Amino acid sequence: MNWAEVRQHFPNRCVLVEALQAETKSNQRKIEDMSVIDDFDNGNAAWKVYKKLHGDNQNRELYIFHTNNEETTVIEQSSIGVHQNNEVYNG
């Protein structure tokens, strides 16, 4: 399904989708084909299901969108984390 079809089938809903076909251009993830896993009244309910599914399989490309949005825009960012300094001080 493309986003226009999802919007038509699930008006004014939060949807949890899995990207089936997607590509990245200029740090933007364009989802060309997606499968709707479920639809919800609000983002909180969608988030609970997302966390469960993501915990079970982190390789799935899952997203939550609201169908009031005309486009699905996903900005990819480099992972920011805390790195341990392994230097040894021999004062």
PDB file of N, CA and C in Angstrom:
ATOM      1  N   MET A   1       0.846  -1.176   0.000  1.00  0.00           N
ATOM      2  CA  MET A   1       0.000   0.000   0.000  1.00  0.00           C
ATOM      3  C   MET A   1       0.893   1.240   0.000  1.00  0.00           C
ATOM      4  N   ASN A   2       0.474   2.270  -0.700  1.00  0.00           N
ATOM      5  CA  ASN A   2       1.189   3.532  -0.592  1.00  0.00           C
ATOM      6  C   ASN A   2       0.448   4.429   0.417  1.00  0.00           C
ATOM      7  N   TRP A   3       1.041   5.569   0.742  1.00  0.00           N
ATOM      8  CA  TRP A   3       0.484   6.424   1.793  1.00  0.00           C
ATOM      9  C   TRP A   3      -0.904   6.951   1.423  1.00  0.00           C
ATOM     10  N   ALA A   4      -1.137   7.284   0.180  1.00  0.00           N
ATOM     11  CA  ALA A   4      -2.455   7.781  -0.231  1.00  0.00           C
ATOM     12  C   ALA A   4      -3.531   6.726   0.022  1.00  0.00           C
ATOM     13  N   GLU A   5      -3.221   5.468  -0.243  1.00  0.00           N
ATOM     14  CA  GLU A   5      -4.180   4.392   0.010  1.00  0.00           C
ATOM     15  C   GLU A   5      -4.426   4.205   1.507  1.00  0.00           C
ATOM     16  N   VAL A   6      -3.367   4.290   2.293  1.00  0.00           N
ATOM     17  CA  VAL A   6      -3.517   4.165   3.750  1.00  0.00           C
ATOM     18  C   VAL A   6      -4.416   5.279   4.274  1.00  0.00           C
ATOM     19  N   ARG A   7      -4.184   6.500   3.821  1.00  0.00           N
ATOM     20  CA  ARG A   7      -5.002   7.644   4.261  1.00  0.00           C
ATOM     21  C   ARG A   7      -6.469   7.463   3.893  1.00  0.00           C
ATOM     22  N   GLN A   8      -6.710   6.899   2.726  1.00  0.00           N
ATOM     23  CA  GLN A   8      -8.079   6.687   2.261  1.00  0.00           C
ATOM     24  C   GLN A   8      -8.787   5.614   3.100  1.00  0.00           C
ATOM     25  N   HIS A   9      -8.081   4.534   3.427  1.00  0.00           N
ATOM     26  CA  HIS A   9      -8.675   3.429   4.180  1.00  0.00           C
ATOM     27  C   HIS A   9      -8.794   3.701   5.677  1.00  0.00           C
ATOM     28  N   PHE A  10      -7.948   4.592   6.209  1.00  0.00           N
ATOM     29  CA  PHE A  10      -7.911   4.849   7.658  1.00  0.00           C
ATOM     30  C   PHE A  10      -7.944   6.353   7.938  1.00  0.00           C
ATOM     31  N   PRO A  11      -9.020   7.036   7.578  1.00  0.00           N
ATOM     32  CA  PRO A  11      -9.060   8.492   7.782  1.00  0.00           C
ATOM     33  C   PRO A  11      -9.053   8.870   9.268  1.00  0.00           C
ATOM     34  N   ASN A  12      -8.294   9.925   9.582  1.00  0.00           N
ATOM     35  CA  ASN A  12      -8.230  10.493  10.927  1.00  0.00           C
ATOM     36  C   ASN A  12      -7.847   9.459  11.997  1.00  0.00           C
ATOM     37  N   ARG A  13      -6.842   8.639  11.687  1.00  0.00           N
ATOM     38  CA  ARG A  13      -6.400   7.582  12.597  1.00  0.00           C
ATOM     39  C   ARG A  13      -4.876   7.604  12.722  1.00  0.00           C
ATOM     40  N   CYS A  14      -4.393   7.096  13.848  1.00  0.00           N
ATOM     41  CA  CYS A  14      -2.973   6.771  13.986  1.00  0.00           C
ATOM     42  C   CYS A  14      -2.813   5.368  13.428  1.00  0.00           C
ATOM     43  N   VAL A  15      -1.783   5.178  12.622  1.00  0.00           N
ATOM     44  CA  VAL A  15      -1.549   3.859  12.053  1.00  0.00           C
ATOM     45  C   VAL A  15      -0.128   3.415  12.373  1.00  0.00           C
ATOM     46  N   LEU A  16      -0.008   2.159  12.687  1.00  0.00           N
ATOM     47  CA  LEU A  16       1.293   1.520  12.855  1.00  0.00           C
ATOM     48  C   LEU A  16       1.548   0.763  11.569  1.00  0.00           C
ATOM     49  N   VAL A  17       2.633   1.129  10.890  1.00  0.00           N
ATOM     50  CA  VAL A  17       2.931   0.516   9.596  1.00  0.00           C
ATOM     51  C   VAL A  17       4.315  -0.112   9.615  1.00  0.00           C
ATOM     52  N   GLU A  18       4.488  -1.064   8.710  1.00  0.00           N
ATOM     53  CA  GLU A  18       5.802  -1.642   8.469  1.00  0.00           C
ATOM     54  C   GLU A  18       6.200  -1.296   7.037  1.00  0.00           C
ATOM     55  N   ALA A  19       7.393  -0.735   6.895  1.00  0.00           N
ATOM     56  CA  ALA A  19       7.894  -0.415   5.564  1.00  0.00           C
ATOM     57  C   ALA A  19       8.282  -1.712   4.859  1.00  0.00           C
ATOM     58  N   LEU A  20       7.731  -1.919   3.678  1.00  0.00           N
ATOM     59  CA  LEU A  20       8.050  -3.094   2.878  1.00  0.00           C
ATOM     60  C   LEU A  20       9.083  -2.761   1.815  1.00  0.00           C
ATOM     61  N   GLN A  21       9.018  -1.518   1.319  1.00  0.00           N
ATOM     62  CA  GLN A  21       9.986  -1.032   0.341  1.00  0.00           C
ATOM     63  C   GLN A  21      10.232   0.432   0.650  1.00  0.00           C
ATOM     64  N   ALA A  22      11.514   0.772   0.861  1.00  0.00           N
ATOM     65  CA  ALA A  22      11.861   2.146   1.213  1.00  0.00           C
ATOM     66  C   ALA A  22      13.273   2.446   0.739  1.00  0.00           C
ATOM     67  N   GLU A  23      13.567   3.726   0.579  1.00  0.00           N
ATOM     68  CA  GLU A  23      14.914   4.149   0.220  1.00  0.00           C
ATOM     69  C   GLU A  23      15.234   5.459   0.924  1.00  0.00           C
ATOM     70  N   THR A  24      16.517   5.716   1.080  1.00  0.00           N
ATOM     71  CA  THR A  24      16.973   6.938   1.724  1.00  0.00           C
ATOM     72  C   THR A  24      17.643   7.836   0.698  1.00  0.00           C
ATOM     73  N   LYS A  25      17.222   9.102   0.693  1.00  0.00           N
ATOM     74  CA  LYS A  25      17.843  10.123  -0.153  1.00  0.00           C
ATOM     75  C   LYS A  25      17.977  11.383   0.689  1.00  0.00           C
ATOM     76  N   SER A  26      19.190  11.894   0.770  1.00  0.00           N
ATOM     77  CA  SER A  26      19.461  13.136   1.509  1.00  0.00           C
ATOM     78  C   SER A  26      18.925  13.068   2.940  1.00  0.00           C
ATOM     79  N   ASN A  27      19.211  11.982   3.627  1.00  0.00           N
ATOM     80  CA  ASN A  27      18.799  11.761   5.026  1.00  0.00           C
ATOM     81  C   ASN A  27      17.292  11.673   5.227  1.00  0.00           C
ATOM     82  N   GLN A  28      16.531  11.507   4.164  1.00  0.00           N
ATOM     83  CA  GLN A  28      15.084  11.328   4.283  1.00  0.00           C
ATOM     84  C   GLN A  28      14.718   9.925   3.810  1.00  0.00           C
ATOM     85  N   ARG A  29      13.975   9.236   4.642  1.00  0.00           N
ATOM     86  CA  ARG A  29      13.524   7.875   4.326  1.00  0.00           C
ATOM     87  C   ARG A  29      12.199   7.967   3.601  1.00  0.00           C
ATOM     88  N   LYS A  30      12.157   7.513   2.378  1.00  0.00           N
ATOM     89  CA  LYS A  30      10.926   7.521   1.586  1.00  0.00           C
ATOM     90  C   LYS A  30      10.370   6.103   1.564  1.00  0.00           C
ATOM     91  N   ILE A  31       9.178   5.964   2.132  1.00  0.00           N
ATOM     92  CA  ILE A  31       8.527   4.654   2.194  1.00  0.00           C
ATOM     93  C   ILE A  31       7.604   4.531   0.983  1.00  0.00           C
ATOM     94  N   GLU A  32       7.954   3.645   0.086  1.00  0.00           N
ATOM     95  CA  GLU A  32       7.204   3.494  -1.155  1.00  0.00           C
ATOM     96  C   GLU A  32       6.074   2.480  -1.038  1.00  0.00           C
ATOM     97  N   ASP A  33       6.289   1.456  -0.206  1.00  0.00           N
ATOM     98  CA  ASP A  33       5.272   0.428  -0.011  1.00  0.00           C
ATOM     99  C   ASP A  33       5.252   0.071   1.467  1.00  0.00           C
ATOM    100  N   MET A  34       4.059   0.026   2.052  1.00  0.00           N
ATOM    101  CA  MET A  34       3.930  -0.252   3.482  1.00  0.00           C
ATOM    102  C   MET A  34       2.734  -1.144   3.739  1.00  0.00           C
ATOM    103  N   SER A  35       2.804  -1.797   4.881  1.00  0.00           N
ATOM    104  CA  SER A  35       1.712  -2.642   5.329  1.00  0.00           C
ATOM    105  C   SER A  35       1.188  -2.066   6.649  1.00  0.00           C
ATOM    106  N   VAL A  36      -0.115  -1.904   6.760  1.00  0.00           N
ATOM    107  CA  VAL A  36      -0.708  -1.408   7.998  1.00  0.00           C
ATOM    108  C   VAL A  36      -0.855  -2.579   8.957  1.00  0.00           C
ATOM    109  N   ILE A  37      -0.217  -2.447  10.109  1.00  0.00           N
ATOM    110  CA  ILE A  37      -0.309  -3.478  11.132  1.00  0.00           C
ATOM    111  C   ILE A  37      -1.591  -3.309  11.927  1.00  0.00           C
ATOM    112  N   ASP A  38      -1.891  -2.056  12.286  1.00  0.00           N
ATOM    113  CA  ASP A  38      -3.121  -1.766  13.031  1.00  0.00           C
ATOM    114  C   ASP A  38      -3.366  -0.268  13.003  1.00  0.00           C
ATOM    115  N   ASP A  39      -4.595   0.129  13.329  1.00  0.00           N
ATOM    116  CA  ASP A  39      -4.926   1.547  13.444  1.00  0.00           C
ATOM    117  C   ASP A  39      -5.463   1.812  14.843  1.00  0.00           C
ATOM    118  N   PHE A  40      -5.311   3.058  15.309  1.00  0.00           N
ATOM    119  CA  PHE A  40      -5.596   3.402  16.694  1.00  0.00           C
ATOM    120  C   PHE A  40      -6.257   4.775  16.786  1.00  0.00           C
ATOM    121  N   ASP A  41      -6.943   4.988  17.914  1.00  0.00           N
ATOM    122  CA  ASP A  41      -7.536   6.296  18.190  1.00  0.00           C
ATOM    123  C   ASP A  41      -6.480   7.333  18.521  1.00  0.00           C
ATOM    124  N   ASN A  42      -5.396   6.882  19.153  1.00  0.00           N
ATOM    125  CA  ASN A  42      -4.374   7.838  19.583  1.00  0.00           C
ATOM    126  C   ASN A  42      -2.986   7.210  19.509  1.00  0.00           C
ATOM    127  N   GLY A  43      -1.989   8.084  19.585  1.00  0.00           N
ATOM    128  CA  GLY A  43      -0.605   7.649  19.485  1.00  0.00           C
ATOM    129  C   GLY A  43      -0.139   6.813  20.656  1.00  0.00           C
ATOM    130  N   ASN A  44      -0.705   7.025  21.841  1.00  0.00           N
ATOM    131  CA  ASN A  44      -0.289   6.245  23.010  1.00  0.00           C
ATOM    132  C   ASN A  44      -0.575   4.762  22.821  1.00  0.00           C
ATOM    133  N   ALA A  45      -1.734   4.448  22.315  1.00  0.00           N
ATOM    134  CA  ALA A  45      -2.092   3.053  22.070  1.00  0.00           C
ATOM    135  C   ALA A  45      -1.183   2.462  20.983  1.00  0.00           C
ATOM    136  N   ALA A  46      -0.905   3.236  19.959  1.00  0.00           N
ATOM    137  CA  ALA A  46      -0.021   2.772  18.885  1.00  0.00           C
ATOM    138  C   ALA A  46       1.388   2.532  19.417  1.00  0.00           C
ATOM    139  N   TRP A  47       1.844   3.424  20.283  1.00  0.00           N
ATOM    140  CA  TRP A  47       3.195   3.320  20.838  1.00  0.00           C
ATOM    141  C   TRP A  47       3.371   2.036  21.647  1.00  0.00           C
ATOM    142  N   LYS A  48       2.357   1.642  22.404  1.00  0.00           N
ATOM    143  CA  LYS A  48       2.434   0.406  23.190  1.00  0.00           C
ATOM    144  C   LYS A  48       2.643  -0.809  22.288  1.00  0.00           C
ATOM    145  N   VAL A  49       1.908  -0.874  21.202  1.00  0.00           N
ATOM    146  CA  VAL A  49       2.043  -2.001  20.274  1.00  0.00           C
ATOM    147  C   VAL A  49       3.396  -1.931  19.563  1.00  0.00           C
ATOM    148  N   TYR A  50       3.807  -0.715  19.184  1.00  0.00           N
ATOM    149  CA  TYR A  50       5.106  -0.540  18.540  1.00  0.00           C
ATOM    150  C   TYR A  50       6.224  -1.093  19.432  1.00  0.00           C
ATOM    151  N   LYS A  51       6.231  -0.711  20.709  1.00  0.00           N
ATOM    152  CA  LYS A  51       7.286  -1.150  21.628  1.00  0.00           C
ATOM    153  C   LYS A  51       7.318  -2.671  21.750  1.00  0.00           C
ATOM    154  N   LYS A  52       6.158  -3.298  21.801  1.00  0.00           N
ATOM    155  CA  LYS A  52       6.084  -4.757  21.891  1.00  0.00           C
ATOM    156  C   LYS A  52       6.670  -5.403  20.637  1.00  0.00           C
ATOM    157  N   LEU A  53       6.236  -4.948  19.465  1.00  0.00           N
ATOM    158  CA  LEU A  53       6.710  -5.535  18.215  1.00  0.00           C
ATOM    159  C   LEU A  53       8.197  -5.272  18.002  1.00  0.00           C
ATOM    160  N   HIS A  54       8.637  -4.063  18.324  1.00  0.00           N
ATOM    161  CA  HIS A  54      10.045  -3.714  18.154  1.00  0.00           C
ATOM    162  C   HIS A  54      10.917  -4.528  19.114  1.00  0.00           C
ATOM    163  N   GLY A  55      10.406  -4.765  20.321  1.00  0.00           N
ATOM    164  CA  GLY A  55      11.133  -5.596  21.281  1.00  0.00           C
ATOM    165  C   GLY A  55      11.271  -7.029  20.808  1.00  0.00           C
ATOM    166  N   ASP A  56      10.259  -7.532  20.122  1.00  0.00           N
ATOM    167  CA  ASP A  56      10.277  -8.901  19.616  1.00  0.00           C
ATOM    168  C   ASP A  56      11.213  -9.063  18.411  1.00  0.00           C
ATOM    169  N   ASN A  57      11.301  -8.013  17.584  1.00  0.00           N
ATOM    170  CA  ASN A  57      12.134  -8.085  16.376  1.00  0.00           C
ATOM    171  C   ASN A  57      12.566  -6.684  15.974  1.00  0.00           C
ATOM    172  N   GLN A  58      13.787  -6.324  16.320  1.00  0.00           N
ATOM    173  CA  GLN A  58      14.289  -4.975  16.044  1.00  0.00           C
ATOM    174  C   GLN A  58      14.666  -4.770  14.582  1.00  0.00           C
ATOM    175  N   ASN A  59      14.613  -5.810  13.776  1.00  0.00           N
ATOM    176  CA  ASN A  59      14.941  -5.679  12.356  1.00  0.00           C
ATOM    177  C   ASN A  59      13.766  -5.183  11.522  1.00  0.00           C
ATOM    178  N   ARG A  60      12.580  -5.178  12.099  1.00  0.00           N
ATOM    179  CA  ARG A  60      11.416  -4.684  11.361  1.00  0.00           C
ATOM    180  C   ARG A  60      11.456  -3.163  11.306  1.00  0.00           C
ATOM    181  N   GLU A  61      11.111  -2.604  10.176  1.00  0.00           N
ATOM    182  CA  GLU A  61      11.104  -1.150   9.992  1.00  0.00           C
ATOM    183  C   GLU A  61       9.677  -0.656  10.244  1.00  0.00           C
ATOM    184  N   LEU A  62       9.412  -0.284  11.495  1.00  0.00           N
ATOM    185  CA  LEU A  62       8.077   0.105  11.939  1.00  0.00           C
ATOM    186  C   LEU A  62       7.994   1.611  12.153  1.00  0.00           C
ATOM    187  N   TYR A  63       6.826   2.167  11.851  1.00  0.00           N
ATOM    188  CA  TYR A  63       6.589   3.605  12.028  1.00  0.00           C
ATOM    189  C   TYR A  63       5.162   3.833  12.497  1.00  0.00           C
ATOM    190  N   ILE A  64       4.970   4.931  13.209  1.00  0.00           N
ATOM    191  CA  ILE A  64       3.633   5.391  13.588  1.00  0.00           C
ATOM    192  C   ILE A  64       3.409   6.724  12.892  1.00  0.00           C
ATOM    193  N   PHE A  65       2.310   6.824  12.165  1.00  0.00           N
ATOM    194  CA  PHE A  65       1.943   8.063  11.479  1.00  0.00           C
ATOM    195  C   PHE A  65       0.481   8.360  11.751  1.00  0.00           C
ATOM    196  N   HIS A  66       0.110   9.628  11.607  1.00  0.00           N
ATOM    197  CA  HIS A  66      -1.307  10.006  11.663  1.00  0.00           C
ATOM    198  C   HIS A  66      -1.750  10.296  10.245  1.00  0.00           C
ATOM    199  N   THR A  67      -2.895   9.767   9.877  1.00  0.00           N
ATOM    200  CA  THR A  67      -3.345   9.886   8.491  1.00  0.00           C
ATOM    201  C   THR A  67      -3.821  11.286   8.118  1.00  0.00           C
ATOM    202  N   ASN A  68      -3.864  12.210   9.057  1.00  0.00           N
ATOM    203  CA  ASN A  68      -4.142  13.597   8.706  1.00  0.00           C
ATOM    204  C   ASN A  68      -2.960  14.230   7.968  1.00  0.00           C
ATOM    205  N   ASN A  69      -1.779  13.635   8.115  1.00  0.00           N
ATOM    206  CA  ASN A  69      -0.587  14.145   7.433  1.00  0.00           C
ATOM    207  C   ASN A  69      -0.617  13.730   5.970  1.00  0.00           C
ATOM    208  N   GLU A  70      -0.333  14.685   5.095  1.00  0.00           N
ATOM    209  CA  GLU A  70      -0.359  14.399   3.667  1.00  0.00           C
ATOM    210  C   GLU A  70       0.820  13.541   3.225  1.00  0.00           C
ATOM    211  N   GLU A  71       1.926  13.617   3.956  1.00  0.00           N
ATOM    212  CA  GLU A  71       3.116  12.859   3.590  1.00  0.00           C
ATOM    213  C   GLU A  71       3.692  12.176   4.818  1.00  0.00           C
ATOM    214  N   THR A  72       4.466  11.145   4.569  1.00  0.00           N
ATOM    215  CA  THR A  72       5.226  10.500   5.633  1.00  0.00           C
ATOM    216  C   THR A  72       6.671  10.942   5.466  1.00  0.00           C
ATOM    217  N   THR A  73       7.135  11.754   6.375  1.00  0.00           N
ATOM    218  CA  THR A  73       8.510  12.230   6.315  1.00  0.00           C
ATOM    219  C   THR A  73       9.277  11.658   7.492  1.00  0.00           C
ATOM    220  N   VAL A  74      10.302  10.897   7.181  1.00  0.00           N
ATOM    221  CA  VAL A  74      11.152  10.316   8.212  1.00  0.00           C
ATOM    222  C   VAL A  74      12.561  10.834   7.954  1.00  0.00           C
ATOM    223  N   ILE A  75      13.115  11.540   8.923  1.00  0.00           N
ATOM    224  CA  ILE A  75      14.466  12.076   8.828  1.00  0.00           C
ATOM    225  C   ILE A  75      15.405  11.103   9.532  1.00  0.00           C
ATOM    226  N   GLU A  76      16.406  10.622   8.818  1.00  0.00           N
ATOM    227  CA  GLU A  76      17.383   9.730   9.423  1.00  0.00           C
ATOM    228  C   GLU A  76      18.483  10.555  10.068  1.00  0.00           C
ATOM    229  N   GLN A  77      18.868  10.149  11.276  1.00  0.00           N
ATOM    230  CA  GLN A  77      19.938  10.819  11.992  1.00  0.00           C
ATOM    231  C   GLN A  77      20.977   9.787  12.392  1.00  0.00           C
ATOM    232  N   SER A  78      22.218  10.227  12.443  1.00  0.00           N
ATOM    233  CA  SER A  78      23.275   9.340  12.935  1.00  0.00           C
ATOM    234  C   SER A  78      23.025   9.069  14.399  1.00  0.00           C
ATOM    235  N   SER A  79      23.383   7.891  14.819  1.00  0.00           N
ATOM    236  CA  SER A  79      23.211   7.507  16.216  1.00  0.00           C
ATOM    237  C   SER A  79      24.148   8.330  17.092  1.00  0.00           C
ATOM    238  N   ILE A  80      23.567   8.923  18.120  1.00  0.00           N
ATOM    239  CA  ILE A  80      24.350   9.695  19.074  1.00  0.00           C
ATOM    240  C   ILE A  80      24.339   8.921  20.371  1.00  0.00           C
ATOM    241  N   GLY A  81      25.510   8.658  20.907  1.00  0.00           N
ATOM    242  CA  GLY A  81      25.571   7.879  22.134  1.00  0.00           C
ATOM    243  C   GLY A  81      26.742   8.301  22.991  1.00  0.00           C
ATOM    244  N   VAL A  82      26.866   7.662  24.107  1.00  0.00           N
ATOM    245  CA  VAL A  82      27.960   7.923  25.022  1.00  0.00           C
ATOM    246  C   VAL A  82      29.050   6.888  24.736  1.00  0.00           C
ATOM    247  N   HIS A  83      30.243   7.366  24.512  1.00  0.00           N
ATOM    248  CA  HIS A  83      31.365   6.476  24.246  1.00  0.00           C
ATOM    249  C   HIS A  83      32.272   6.453  25.463  1.00  0.00           C
ATOM    250  N   GLN A  84      32.697   5.291  25.834  1.00  0.00           N
ATOM    251  CA  GLN A  84      33.563   5.133  26.989  1.00  0.00           C
ATOM    252  C   GLN A  84      34.998   5.443  26.586  1.00  0.00           C
ATOM    253  N   ASN A  85      35.681   6.210  27.418  1.00  0.00           N
ATOM    254  CA  ASN A  85      37.085   6.513  27.198  1.00  0.00           C
ATOM    255  C   ASN A  85      37.891   5.408  27.877  1.00  0.00           C
ATOM    256  N   ASN A  86      38.663   4.675  27.105  1.00  0.00           N
ATOM    257  CA  ASN A  86      39.384   3.530  27.643  1.00  0.00           C
ATOM    258  C   ASN A  86      40.836   3.849  28.011  1.00  0.00           C
ATOM    259  N   GLU A  87      41.173   5.123  28.131  1.00  0.00           N
ATOM    260  CA  GLU A  87      42.530   5.490  28.512  1.00  0.00           C
ATOM    261  C   GLU A  87      42.786   5.083  29.958  1.00  0.00           C
ATOM    262  N   VAL A  88      44.009   4.696  30.226  1.00  0.00           N
ATOM    263  CA  VAL A  88      44.382   4.320  31.577  1.00  0.00           C
ATOM    264  C   VAL A  88      45.300   5.412  32.130  1.00  0.00           C
ATOM    265  N   TYR A  89      44.986   5.876  33.325  1.00  0.00           N
ATOM    266  CA  TYR A  89      45.807   6.910  33.973  1.00  0.00           C
ATOM    267  C   TYR A  89      46.778   6.237  34.911  1.00  0.00           C
ATOM    268  N   ASN A  90      48.043   6.467  34.693  1.00  0.00           N
ATOM    269  CA  ASN A  90      49.081   5.888  35.540  1.00  0.00           C
ATOM    270  C   ASN A  90      49.770   6.963  36.368  1.00  0.00           C
ATOM    271  N   GLY A  91      49.005   7.904  36.895  1.00  0.00           N
ATOM    272  CA  GLY A  91      49.481   9.072  37.628  1.00  0.00           C
ATOM    273  C   GLY A  91      50.577   8.838  38.512  1.00  0.00           C
TER     274      GLY A  91
END
